[in-house]
Amino acid sequence: MRIAVVFFALPLAACAGAYHTPSDGRLNSKINTVYAERDACLAKNAATDNLADPAAAARAVATACTEETEKLVGVVNRDGDPRVTEAIRQDSEFRAMGFVLRARGQVTN
């Protein structure tokens, strides 16, 4: 059941809080830390991308942060559900697009 909640909440998640049950404090802390590391990698690489196409840049940024994304997968997806793994990878590319657009001044949030 928890995996289903994660799978459906993941695309809508704006923060690491959607990935877990709030009653597990240590897991919560670990997820927040790994999520922040992944986002820091995405932001750093988005600021240095030099591809004209934003979608290509987002894919390149997400690829550059594969190590951080896979670490997040390992912490969040303890059951090894391939759908959750794929959702997290897609979320990384989606968030990479946001960082790319912000770095280019195309998004102001």
PDB file of N, CA and C in Angstrom:
ATOM      1  N   MET A   1       0.824  -1.193   0.000  1.00  0.00           N
ATOM      2  CA  MET A   1       0.000   0.000   0.000  1.00  0.00           C
ATOM      3  C   MET A   1       0.870   1.259   0.000  1.00  0.00           C
ATOM      4  N   ARG A   2       1.922   1.242   0.819  1.00  0.00           N
ATOM      5  CA  ARG A   2       2.792   2.414   0.917  1.00  0.00           C
ATOM      6  C   ARG A   2       3.433   2.709  -0.430  1.00  0.00           C
ATOM      7  N   ILE A   3       3.813   1.669  -1.173  1.00  0.00           N
ATOM      8  CA  ILE A   3       4.429   1.865  -2.484  1.00  0.00           C
ATOM      9  C   ILE A   3       3.443   2.547  -3.420  1.00  0.00           C
ATOM     10  N   ALA A   4       2.188   2.150  -3.372  1.00  0.00           N
ATOM     11  CA  ALA A   4       1.173   2.771  -4.233  1.00  0.00           C
ATOM     12  C   ALA A   4       1.030   4.247  -3.904  1.00  0.00           C
ATOM     13  N   VAL A   5       1.070   4.591  -2.643  1.00  0.00           N
ATOM     14  CA  VAL A   5       0.973   5.994  -2.239  1.00  0.00           C
ATOM     15  C   VAL A   5       2.166   6.775  -2.763  1.00  0.00           C
ATOM     16  N   VAL A   6       3.356   6.197  -2.622  1.00  0.00           N
ATOM     17  CA  VAL A   6       4.563   6.856  -3.114  1.00  0.00           C
ATOM     18  C   VAL A   6       4.491   7.025  -4.624  1.00  0.00           C
ATOM     19  N   PHE A   7       4.075   5.977  -5.319  1.00  0.00           N
ATOM     20  CA  PHE A   7       4.023   6.007  -6.774  1.00  0.00           C
ATOM     21  C   PHE A   7       3.098   7.107  -7.276  1.00  0.00           C
ATOM     22  N   PHE A   8       1.952   7.265  -6.653  1.00  0.00           N
ATOM     23  CA  PHE A   8       1.009   8.282  -7.105  1.00  0.00           C
ATOM     24  C   PHE A   8       1.344   9.667  -6.588  1.00  0.00           C
ATOM     25  N   ALA A   9       1.986   9.764  -5.446  1.00  0.00           N
ATOM     26  CA  ALA A   9       2.330  11.067  -4.885  1.00  0.00           C
ATOM     27  C   ALA A   9       3.584  11.648  -5.508  1.00  0.00           C
ATOM     28  N   LEU A  10       4.461  10.792  -6.003  1.00  0.00           N
ATOM     29  CA  LEU A  10       5.757  11.235  -6.506  1.00  0.00           C
ATOM     30  C   LEU A  10       5.670  12.315  -7.572  1.00  0.00           C
ATOM     31  N   PRO A  11       4.877  12.157  -8.630  1.00  0.00           N
ATOM     32  CA  PRO A  11       4.851  13.205  -9.651  1.00  0.00           C
ATOM     33  C   PRO A  11       4.317  14.539  -9.137  1.00  0.00           C
ATOM     34  N   LEU A  12       3.543  14.490  -8.092  1.00  0.00           N
ATOM     35  CA  LEU A  12       2.961  15.712  -7.556  1.00  0.00           C
ATOM     36  C   LEU A  12       3.792  16.314  -6.438  1.00  0.00           C
ATOM     37  N   ALA A  13       4.786  15.596  -6.016  1.00  0.00           N
ATOM     38  CA  ALA A  13       5.557  16.018  -4.848  1.00  0.00           C
ATOM     39  C   ALA A  13       6.411  17.233  -5.143  1.00  0.00           C
ATOM     40  N   ALA A  14       6.369  18.174  -4.246  1.00  0.00           N
ATOM     41  CA  ALA A  14       7.231  19.340  -4.350  1.00  0.00           C
ATOM     42  C   ALA A  14       8.343  19.267  -3.317  1.00  0.00           C
ATOM     43  N   CYS A  15       8.226  18.312  -2.418  1.00  0.00           N
ATOM     44  CA  CYS A  15       9.260  18.155  -1.402  1.00  0.00           C
ATOM     45  C   CYS A  15       9.398  16.684  -1.049  1.00  0.00           C
ATOM     46  N   ALA A  16      10.406  16.362  -0.300  1.00  0.00           N
ATOM     47  CA  ALA A  16      10.669  14.971   0.049  1.00  0.00           C
ATOM     48  C   ALA A  16       9.591  14.379   0.941  1.00  0.00           C
ATOM     49  N   GLY A  17       8.777  15.190   1.567  1.00  0.00           N
ATOM     50  CA  GLY A  17       7.763  14.713   2.480  1.00  0.00           C
ATOM     51  C   GLY A  17       6.767  13.770   1.863  1.00  0.00           C
ATOM     52  N   ALA A  18       6.563  13.807   0.580  1.00  0.00           N
ATOM     53  CA  ALA A  18       5.582  12.935  -0.057  1.00  0.00           C
ATOM     54  C   ALA A  18       6.112  11.518  -0.232  1.00  0.00           C
ATOM     55  N   TYR A  19       7.393  11.277   0.004  1.00  0.00           N
ATOM     56  CA  TYR A  19       7.987   9.978  -0.249  1.00  0.00           C
ATOM     57  C   TYR A  19       7.872   8.996   0.910  1.00  0.00           C
ATOM     58  N   HIS A  20       7.354   9.378   2.029  1.00  0.00           N
ATOM     59  CA  HIS A  20       7.446   8.516   3.197  1.00  0.00           C
ATOM     60  C   HIS A  20       6.294   8.740   4.152  1.00  0.00           C
ATOM     61  N   THR A  21       6.234   7.868   5.129  1.00  0.00           N
ATOM     62  CA  THR A  21       5.275   8.065   6.199  1.00  0.00           C
ATOM     63  C   THR A  21       5.941   8.923   7.265  1.00  0.00           C
ATOM     64  N   PRO A  22       5.264   9.940   7.755  1.00  0.00           N
ATOM     65  CA  PRO A  22       5.894  10.867   8.694  1.00  0.00           C
ATOM     66  C   PRO A  22       6.231  10.261  10.047  1.00  0.00           C
ATOM     67  N   SER A  23       5.760   9.059  10.344  1.00  0.00           N
ATOM     68  CA  SER A  23       6.022   8.460  11.648  1.00  0.00           C
ATOM     69  C   SER A  23       7.433   7.894  11.776  1.00  0.00           C
ATOM     70  N   ASP A  24       8.158   7.723  10.699  1.00  0.00           N
ATOM     71  CA  ASP A  24       9.511   7.184  10.732  1.00  0.00           C
ATOM     72  C   ASP A  24      10.506   8.335  10.646  1.00  0.00           C
ATOM     73  N   GLY A  25      10.922   8.833  11.786  1.00  0.00           N
ATOM     74  CA  GLY A  25      11.785  10.011  11.848  1.00  0.00           C
ATOM     75  C   GLY A  25      13.141   9.829  11.198  1.00  0.00           C
ATOM     76  N   ARG A  26      13.779   8.675  11.418  1.00  0.00           N
ATOM     77  CA  ARG A  26      15.095   8.450  10.813  1.00  0.00           C
ATOM     78  C   ARG A  26      15.000   8.351   9.296  1.00  0.00           C
ATOM     79  N   LEU A  27      13.985   7.658   8.806  1.00  0.00           N
ATOM     80  CA  LEU A  27      13.796   7.559   7.362  1.00  0.00           C
ATOM     81  C   LEU A  27      13.481   8.931   6.790  1.00  0.00           C
ATOM     82  N   ASN A  28      12.654   9.674   7.473  1.00  0.00           N
ATOM     83  CA  ASN A  28      12.302  11.037   7.054  1.00  0.00           C
ATOM     84  C   ASN A  28      13.559  11.883   6.909  1.00  0.00           C
ATOM     85  N   SER A  29      14.418  11.837   7.891  1.00  0.00           N
ATOM     86  CA  SER A  29      15.649  12.618   7.866  1.00  0.00           C
ATOM     87  C   SER A  29      16.557  12.176   6.718  1.00  0.00           C
ATOM     88  N   LYS A  30      16.697  10.876   6.520  1.00  0.00           N
ATOM     89  CA  LYS A  30      17.552  10.347   5.449  1.00  0.00           C
ATOM     90  C   LYS A  30      17.006  10.747   4.080  1.00  0.00           C
ATOM     91  N   ILE A  31      15.694  10.628   3.897  1.00  0.00           N
ATOM     92  CA  ILE A  31      15.083  11.006   2.617  1.00  0.00           C
ATOM     93  C   ILE A  31      15.295  12.487   2.354  1.00  0.00           C
ATOM     94  N   ASN A  32      15.071  13.319   3.356  1.00  0.00           N
ATOM     95  CA  ASN A  32      15.270  14.754   3.175  1.00  0.00           C
ATOM     96  C   ASN A  32      16.704  15.078   2.782  1.00  0.00           C
ATOM     97  N   THR A  33      17.655  14.408   3.411  1.00  0.00           N
ATOM     98  CA  THR A  33      19.069  14.641   3.112  1.00  0.00           C
ATOM     99  C   THR A  33      19.411  14.219   1.686  1.00  0.00           C
ATOM    100  N   VAL A  34      19.002  13.018   1.298  1.00  0.00           N
ATOM    101  CA  VAL A  34      19.323  12.499  -0.033  1.00  0.00           C
ATOM    102  C   VAL A  34      18.593  13.300  -1.104  1.00  0.00           C
ATOM    103  N   TYR A  35      17.359  13.688  -0.834  1.00  0.00           N
ATOM    104  CA  TYR A  35      16.581  14.510  -1.771  1.00  0.00           C
ATOM    105  C   TYR A  35      17.277  15.850  -1.988  1.00  0.00           C
ATOM    106  N   ALA A  36      17.753  16.464  -0.906  1.00  0.00           N
ATOM    107  CA  ALA A  36      18.454  17.750  -1.009  1.00  0.00           C
ATOM    108  C   ALA A  36      19.760  17.603  -1.793  1.00  0.00           C
ATOM    109  N   GLU A  37      20.473  16.489  -1.591  1.00  0.00           N
ATOM    110  CA  GLU A  37      21.705  16.249  -2.346  1.00  0.00           C
ATOM    111  C   GLU A  37      21.404  16.120  -3.839  1.00  0.00           C
ATOM    112  N   ARG A  38      20.340  15.399  -4.170  1.00  0.00           N
ATOM    113  CA  ARG A  38      19.961  15.246  -5.572  1.00  0.00           C
ATOM    114  C   ARG A  38      19.603  16.597  -6.183  1.00  0.00           C
ATOM    115  N   ASP A  39      18.803  17.390  -5.464  1.00  0.00           N
ATOM    116  CA  ASP A  39      18.410  18.702  -5.976  1.00  0.00           C
ATOM    117  C   ASP A  39      19.595  19.652  -6.093  1.00  0.00           C
ATOM    118  N   ALA A  40      20.539  19.572  -5.164  1.00  0.00           N
ATOM    119  CA  ALA A  40      21.736  20.417  -5.254  1.00  0.00           C
ATOM    120  C   ALA A  40      22.545  20.060  -6.496  1.00  0.00           C
ATOM    121  N   CYS A  41      22.634  18.781  -6.790  1.00  0.00           N
ATOM    122  CA  CYS A  41      23.332  18.348  -8.002  1.00  0.00           C
ATOM    123  C   CYS A  41      22.611  18.867  -9.237  1.00  0.00           C
ATOM    124  N   LEU A  42      21.291  18.734  -9.273  1.00  0.00           N
ATOM    125  CA  LEU A  42      20.519  19.217 -10.419  1.00  0.00           C
ATOM    126  C   LEU A  42      20.720  20.721 -10.612  1.00  0.00           C
ATOM    127  N   ALA A  43      20.650  21.474  -9.527  1.00  0.00           N
ATOM    128  CA  ALA A  43      20.802  22.934  -9.613  1.00  0.00           C
ATOM    129  C   ALA A  43      22.192  23.321 -10.104  1.00  0.00           C
ATOM    130  N   LYS A  44      23.203  22.656  -9.564  1.00  0.00           N
ATOM    131  CA  LYS A  44      24.590  22.963  -9.959  1.00  0.00           C
ATOM    132  C   LYS A  44      24.805  22.679 -11.451  1.00  0.00           C
ATOM    133  N   ASN A  45      24.339  21.551 -11.908  1.00  0.00           N
ATOM    134  CA  ASN A  45      24.526  21.185 -13.313  1.00  0.00           C
ATOM    135  C   ASN A  45      23.650  21.999 -14.248  1.00  0.00           C
ATOM    136  N   ALA A  46      22.491  22.420 -13.797  1.00  0.00           N
ATOM    137  CA  ALA A  46      21.612  23.251 -14.634  1.00  0.00           C
ATOM    138  C   ALA A  46      22.250  24.612 -14.882  1.00  0.00           C
ATOM    139  N   ALA A  47      22.969  25.102 -13.893  1.00  0.00           N
ATOM    140  CA  ALA A  47      23.593  26.421 -14.026  1.00  0.00           C
ATOM    141  C   ALA A  47      24.742  26.408 -15.025  1.00  0.00           C
ATOM    142  N   THR A  48      25.272  25.224 -15.323  1.00  0.00           N
ATOM    143  CA  THR A  48      26.418  25.144 -16.228  1.00  0.00           C
ATOM    144  C   THR A  48      26.088  24.510 -17.570  1.00  0.00           C
ATOM    145  N   ASP A  49      24.801  24.209 -17.815  1.00  0.00           N
ATOM    146  CA  ASP A  49      24.463  23.563 -19.091  1.00  0.00           C
ATOM    147  C   ASP A  49      24.672  24.546 -20.237  1.00  0.00           C
ATOM    148  N   ASN A  50      24.986  24.011 -21.404  1.00  0.00           N
ATOM    149  CA  ASN A  50      25.206  24.882 -22.561  1.00  0.00           C
ATOM    150  C   ASN A  50      24.444  24.391 -23.792  1.00  0.00           C
ATOM    151  N   LEU A  51      23.408  23.614 -23.586  1.00  0.00           N
ATOM    152  CA  LEU A  51      22.601  23.117 -24.689  1.00  0.00           C
ATOM    153  C   LEU A  51      21.471  24.101 -24.978  1.00  0.00           C
ATOM    154  N   ALA A  52      21.192  24.315 -26.245  1.00  0.00           N
ATOM    155  CA  ALA A  52      20.158  25.275 -26.638  1.00  0.00           C
ATOM    156  C   ALA A  52      18.763  24.787 -26.283  1.00  0.00           C
ATOM    157  N   ASP A  53      18.495  23.501 -26.467  1.00  0.00           N
ATOM    158  CA  ASP A  53      17.167  22.943 -26.222  1.00  0.00           C
ATOM    159  C   ASP A  53      16.994  22.641 -24.727  1.00  0.00           C
ATOM    160  N   PRO A  54      16.007  23.256 -24.067  1.00  0.00           N
ATOM    161  CA  PRO A  54      15.813  23.013 -22.635  1.00  0.00           C
ATOM    162  C   PRO A  54      15.558  21.542 -22.297  1.00  0.00           C
ATOM    163  N   ALA A  55      14.823  20.823 -23.144  1.00  0.00           N
ATOM    164  CA  ALA A  55      14.546  19.410 -22.866  1.00  0.00           C
ATOM    165  C   ALA A  55      15.835  18.590 -22.915  1.00  0.00           C
ATOM    166  N   ALA A  56      16.679  18.868 -23.895  1.00  0.00           N
ATOM    167  CA  ALA A  56      17.969  18.170 -23.985  1.00  0.00           C
ATOM    168  C   ALA A  56      18.848  18.528 -22.796  1.00  0.00           C
ATOM    169  N   ALA A  57      18.811  19.783 -22.400  1.00  0.00           N
ATOM    170  CA  ALA A  57      19.587  20.218 -21.235  1.00  0.00           C
ATOM    171  C   ALA A  57      19.099  19.511 -19.974  1.00  0.00           C
ATOM    172  N   ALA A  58      17.785  19.395 -19.799  1.00  0.00           N
ATOM    173  CA  ALA A  58      17.230  18.724 -18.622  1.00  0.00           C
ATOM    174  C   ALA A  58      17.651  17.257 -18.582  1.00  0.00           C
ATOM    175  N   ARG A  59      17.630  16.583 -19.740  1.00  0.00           N
ATOM    176  CA  ARG A  59      18.075  15.184 -19.786  1.00  0.00           C
ATOM    177  C   ARG A  59      19.554  15.078 -19.414  1.00  0.00           C
ATOM    178  N   ALA A  60      20.362  16.007 -19.930  1.00  0.00           N
ATOM    179  CA  ALA A  60      21.795  15.997 -19.626  1.00  0.00           C
ATOM    180  C   ALA A  60      22.045  16.260 -18.143  1.00  0.00           C
ATOM    181  N   VAL A  61      21.301  17.191 -17.580  1.00  0.00           N
ATOM    182  CA  VAL A  61      21.441  17.506 -16.154  1.00  0.00           C
ATOM    183  C   VAL A  61      21.030  16.299 -15.314  1.00  0.00           C
ATOM    184  N   ALA A  62      19.898  15.681 -15.651  1.00  0.00           N
ATOM    185  CA  ALA A  62      19.442  14.498 -14.912  1.00  0.00           C
ATOM    186  C   ALA A  62      20.465  13.367 -15.022  1.00  0.00           C
ATOM    187  N   THR A  63      21.050  13.194 -16.186  1.00  0.00           N
ATOM    188  CA  THR A  63      22.064  12.160 -16.385  1.00  0.00           C
ATOM    189  C   THR A  63      23.314  12.451 -15.550  1.00  0.00           C
ATOM    190  N   ALA A  64      23.692  13.708 -15.467  1.00  0.00           N
ATOM    191  CA  ALA A  64      24.860  14.090 -14.667  1.00  0.00           C
ATOM    192  C   ALA A  64      24.654  13.787 -13.186  1.00  0.00           C
ATOM    193  N   CYS A  65      23.404  13.699 -12.768  1.00  0.00           N
ATOM    194  CA  CYS A  65      23.077  13.460 -11.361  1.00  0.00           C
ATOM    195  C   CYS A  65      22.556  12.044 -11.123  1.00  0.00           C
ATOM    196  N   THR A  66      22.921  11.120 -11.992  1.00  0.00           N
ATOM    197  CA  THR A  66      22.452   9.738 -11.862  1.00  0.00           C
ATOM    198  C   THR A  66      22.833   9.140 -10.509  1.00  0.00           C
ATOM    199  N   GLU A  67      24.031   9.395 -10.049  1.00  0.00           N
ATOM    200  CA  GLU A  67      24.478   8.828  -8.772  1.00  0.00           C
ATOM    201  C   GLU A  67      23.565   9.279  -7.629  1.00  0.00           C
ATOM    202  N   GLU A  68      23.241  10.563  -7.587  1.00  0.00           N
ATOM    203  CA  GLU A  68      22.379  11.090  -6.542  1.00  0.00           C
ATOM    204  C   GLU A  68      20.948  10.563  -6.681  1.00  0.00           C
ATOM    205  N   THR A  69      20.477  10.435  -7.906  1.00  0.00           N
ATOM    206  CA  THR A  69      19.130   9.910  -8.136  1.00  0.00           C
ATOM    207  C   THR A  69      19.038   8.456  -7.696  1.00  0.00           C
ATOM    208  N   GLU A  70      20.043   7.672  -8.028  1.00  0.00           N
ATOM    209  CA  GLU A  70      20.027   6.260  -7.637  1.00  0.00           C
ATOM    210  C   GLU A  70      20.147   6.089  -6.124  1.00  0.00           C
ATOM    211  N   LYS A  71      20.850   6.996  -5.486  1.00  0.00           N
ATOM    212  CA  LYS A  71      20.918   6.970  -4.020  1.00  0.00           C
ATOM    213  C   LYS A  71      19.533   7.255  -3.443  1.00  0.00           C
ATOM    214  N   LEU A  72      18.815   8.203  -4.032  1.00  0.00           N
ATOM    215  CA  LEU A  72      17.449   8.503  -3.612  1.00  0.00           C
ATOM    216  C   LEU A  72      16.547   7.295  -3.837  1.00  0.00           C
ATOM    217  N   VAL A  73      16.690   6.646  -4.976  1.00  0.00           N
ATOM    218  CA  VAL A  73      15.909   5.434  -5.264  1.00  0.00           C
ATOM    219  C   VAL A  73      16.147   4.397  -4.167  1.00  0.00           C
ATOM    220  N   GLY A  74      17.395   4.202  -3.802  1.00  0.00           N
ATOM    221  CA  GLY A  74      17.725   3.202  -2.788  1.00  0.00           C
ATOM    222  C   GLY A  74      17.113   3.493  -1.432  1.00  0.00           C
ATOM    223  N   VAL A  75      17.054   4.758  -1.070  1.00  0.00           N
ATOM    224  CA  VAL A  75      16.497   5.126   0.231  1.00  0.00           C
ATOM    225  C   VAL A  75      14.970   5.060   0.211  1.00  0.00           C
ATOM    226  N   VAL A  76      14.371   5.550  -0.853  1.00  0.00           N
ATOM    227  CA  VAL A  76      12.906   5.628  -0.932  1.00  0.00           C
ATOM    228  C   VAL A  76      12.287   4.273  -1.270  1.00  0.00           C
ATOM    229  N   ASN A  77      12.843   3.581  -2.218  1.00  0.00           N
ATOM    230  CA  ASN A  77      12.242   2.368  -2.764  1.00  0.00           C
ATOM    231  C   ASN A  77      12.875   1.129  -2.154  1.00  0.00           C
ATOM    232  N   ARG A  78      12.670   0.941  -0.887  1.00  0.00           N
ATOM    233  CA  ARG A  78      13.282  -0.182  -0.184  1.00  0.00           C
ATOM    234  C   ARG A  78      12.731  -1.529  -0.642  1.00  0.00           C
ATOM    235  N   ASP A  79      11.555  -1.545  -1.275  1.00  0.00           N
ATOM    236  CA  ASP A  79      10.964  -2.794  -1.758  1.00  0.00           C
ATOM    237  C   ASP A  79      11.401  -3.137  -3.173  1.00  0.00           C
ATOM    238  N   GLY A  80      12.096  -2.226  -3.849  1.00  0.00           N
ATOM    239  CA  GLY A  80      12.598  -2.492  -5.189  1.00  0.00           C
ATOM    240  C   GLY A  80      11.541  -2.501  -6.282  1.00  0.00           C
ATOM    241  N   ASP A  81      10.457  -1.780  -6.090  1.00  0.00           N
ATOM    242  CA  ASP A  81       9.390  -1.717  -7.097  1.00  0.00           C
ATOM    243  C   ASP A  81       9.891  -0.934  -8.310  1.00  0.00           C
ATOM    244  N   PRO A  82       9.922  -1.554  -9.490  1.00  0.00           N
ATOM    245  CA  PRO A  82      10.438  -0.863 -10.676  1.00  0.00           C
ATOM    246  C   PRO A  82       9.604   0.356 -11.071  1.00  0.00           C
ATOM    247  N   ARG A  83       8.321   0.364 -10.747  1.00  0.00           N
ATOM    248  CA  ARG A  83       7.485   1.531 -11.065  1.00  0.00           C
ATOM    249  C   ARG A  83       7.895   2.730 -10.221  1.00  0.00           C
ATOM    250  N   VAL A  84       8.234   2.495  -8.977  1.00  0.00           N
ATOM    251  CA  VAL A  84       8.682   3.578  -8.101  1.00  0.00           C
ATOM    252  C   VAL A  84      10.034   4.089  -8.569  1.00  0.00           C
ATOM    253  N   THR A  85      10.910   3.171  -8.926  1.00  0.00           N
ATOM    254  CA  THR A  85      12.227   3.557  -9.443  1.00  0.00           C
ATOM    255  C   THR A  85      12.074   4.448 -10.663  1.00  0.00           C
ATOM    256  N   GLU A  86      11.240   4.040 -11.598  1.00  0.00           N
ATOM    257  CA  GLU A  86      11.028   4.825 -12.819  1.00  0.00           C
ATOM    258  C   GLU A  86      10.392   6.182 -12.498  1.00  0.00           C
ATOM    259  N   ALA A  87       9.463   6.210 -11.562  1.00  0.00           N
ATOM    260  CA  ALA A  87       8.831   7.476 -11.182  1.00  0.00           C
ATOM    261  C   ALA A  87       9.845   8.447 -10.588  1.00  0.00           C
ATOM    262  N   ILE A  88      10.759   7.948  -9.781  1.00  0.00           N
ATOM    263  CA  ILE A  88      11.790   8.806  -9.187  1.00  0.00           C
ATOM    264  C   ILE A  88      12.722   9.330 -10.273  1.00  0.00           C
ATOM    265  N   ARG A  89      13.089   8.486 -11.209  1.00  0.00           N
ATOM    266  CA  ARG A  89      13.949   8.929 -12.316  1.00  0.00           C
ATOM    267  C   ARG A  89      13.247   9.983 -13.172  1.00  0.00           C
ATOM    268  N   GLN A  90      11.967   9.782 -13.434  1.00  0.00           N
ATOM    269  CA  GLN A  90      11.204  10.775 -14.199  1.00  0.00           C
ATOM    270  C   GLN A  90      11.078  12.078 -13.416  1.00  0.00           C
ATOM    271  N   ASP A  91      10.904  11.962 -12.099  1.00  0.00           N
ATOM    272  CA  ASP A  91      10.834  13.156 -11.254  1.00  0.00           C
ATOM    273  C   ASP A  91      12.150  13.929 -11.317  1.00  0.00           C
ATOM    274  N   SER A  92      13.273  13.217 -11.360  1.00  0.00           N
ATOM    275  CA  SER A  92      14.573  13.883 -11.460  1.00  0.00           C
ATOM    276  C   SER A  92      14.672  14.677 -12.756  1.00  0.00           C
ATOM    277  N   GLU A  93      14.216  14.094 -13.855  1.00  0.00           N
ATOM    278  CA  GLU A  93      14.264  14.814 -15.126  1.00  0.00           C
ATOM    279  C   GLU A  93      13.300  16.004 -15.120  1.00  0.00           C
ATOM    280  N   PHE A  94      12.128  15.813 -14.535  1.00  0.00           N
ATOM    281  CA  PHE A  94      11.156  16.906 -14.426  1.00  0.00           C
ATOM    282  C   PHE A  94      11.740  18.053 -13.605  1.00  0.00           C
ATOM    283  N   ARG A  95      12.325  17.724 -12.460  1.00  0.00           N
ATOM    284  CA  ARG A  95      12.916  18.764 -11.609  1.00  0.00           C
ATOM    285  C   ARG A  95      14.125  19.398 -12.293  1.00  0.00           C
ATOM    286  N   ALA A  96      14.887  18.611 -13.054  1.00  0.00           N
ATOM    287  CA  ALA A  96      16.015  19.157 -13.807  1.00  0.00           C
ATOM    288  C   ALA A  96      15.528  20.224 -14.777  1.00  0.00           C
ATOM    289  N   MET A  97      14.394  19.979 -15.424  1.00  0.00           N
ATOM    290  CA  MET A  97      13.827  20.968 -16.345  1.00  0.00           C
ATOM    291  C   MET A  97      13.529  22.270 -15.601  1.00  0.00           C
ATOM    292  N   GLY A  98      12.973  22.179 -14.427  1.00  0.00           N
ATOM    293  CA  GLY A  98      12.705  23.380 -13.637  1.00  0.00           C
ATOM    294  C   GLY A  98      13.975  24.138 -13.304  1.00  0.00           C
ATOM    295  N   PHE A  99      15.016  23.413 -12.922  1.00  0.00           N
ATOM    296  CA  PHE A  99      16.289  24.060 -12.611  1.00  0.00           C
ATOM    297  C   PHE A  99      16.916  24.694 -13.852  1.00  0.00           C
ATOM    298  N   VAL A 100      16.801  24.019 -14.990  1.00  0.00           N
ATOM    299  CA  VAL A 100      17.328  24.572 -16.242  1.00  0.00           C
ATOM    300  C   VAL A 100      16.602  25.871 -16.582  1.00  0.00           C
ATOM    301  N   LEU A 101      15.280  25.848 -16.510  1.00  0.00           N
ATOM    302  CA  LEU A 101      14.510  27.042 -16.838  1.00  0.00           C
ATOM    303  C   LEU A 101      14.792  28.184 -15.865  1.00  0.00           C
ATOM    304  N   ARG A 102      14.949  27.872 -14.572  1.00  0.00           N
ATOM    305  CA  ARG A 102      15.286  28.916 -13.596  1.00  0.00           C
ATOM    306  C   ARG A 102      16.668  29.495 -13.884  1.00  0.00           C
ATOM    307  N   ALA A 103      17.618  28.626 -14.200  1.00  0.00           N
ATOM    308  CA  ALA A 103      18.989  29.085 -14.480  1.00  0.00           C
ATOM    309  C   ALA A 103      19.014  30.002 -15.713  1.00  0.00           C
ATOM    310  N   ARG A 104      18.093  29.783 -16.617  1.00  0.00           N
ATOM    311  CA  ARG A 104      18.027  30.606 -17.833  1.00  0.00           C
ATOM    312  C   ARG A 104      17.133  31.834 -17.660  1.00  0.00           C
ATOM    313  N   GLY A 105      16.558  31.975 -16.476  1.00  0.00           N
ATOM    314  CA  GLY A 105      15.693  33.125 -16.210  1.00  0.00           C
ATOM    315  C   GLY A 105      14.317  33.006 -16.848  1.00  0.00           C
ATOM    316  N   GLN A 106      13.927  31.799 -17.223  1.00  0.00           N
ATOM    317  CA  GLN A 106      12.639  31.596 -17.849  1.00  0.00           C
ATOM    318  C   GLN A 106      11.540  31.266 -16.852  1.00  0.00           C
ATOM    319  N   VAL A 107      11.922  30.985 -15.617  1.00  0.00           N
ATOM    320  CA  VAL A 107      10.971  30.729 -14.520  1.00  0.00           C
ATOM    321  C   VAL A 107      11.447  31.555 -13.340  1.00  0.00           C
ATOM    322  N   THR A 108      10.539  32.246 -12.699  1.00  0.00           N
ATOM    323  CA  THR A 108      10.946  33.150 -11.622  1.00  0.00           C
ATOM    324  C   THR A 108      10.740  32.597 -10.219  1.00  0.00           C
ATOM    325  N   ASN A 109      10.174  31.400 -10.050  1.00  0.00           N
ATOM    326  CA  ASN A 109       9.957  30.882  -8.689  1.00  0.00           C
ATOM    327  C   ASN A 109      11.205  30.239  -8.181  1.00  0.00           C
TER     328      ASN A 109
END
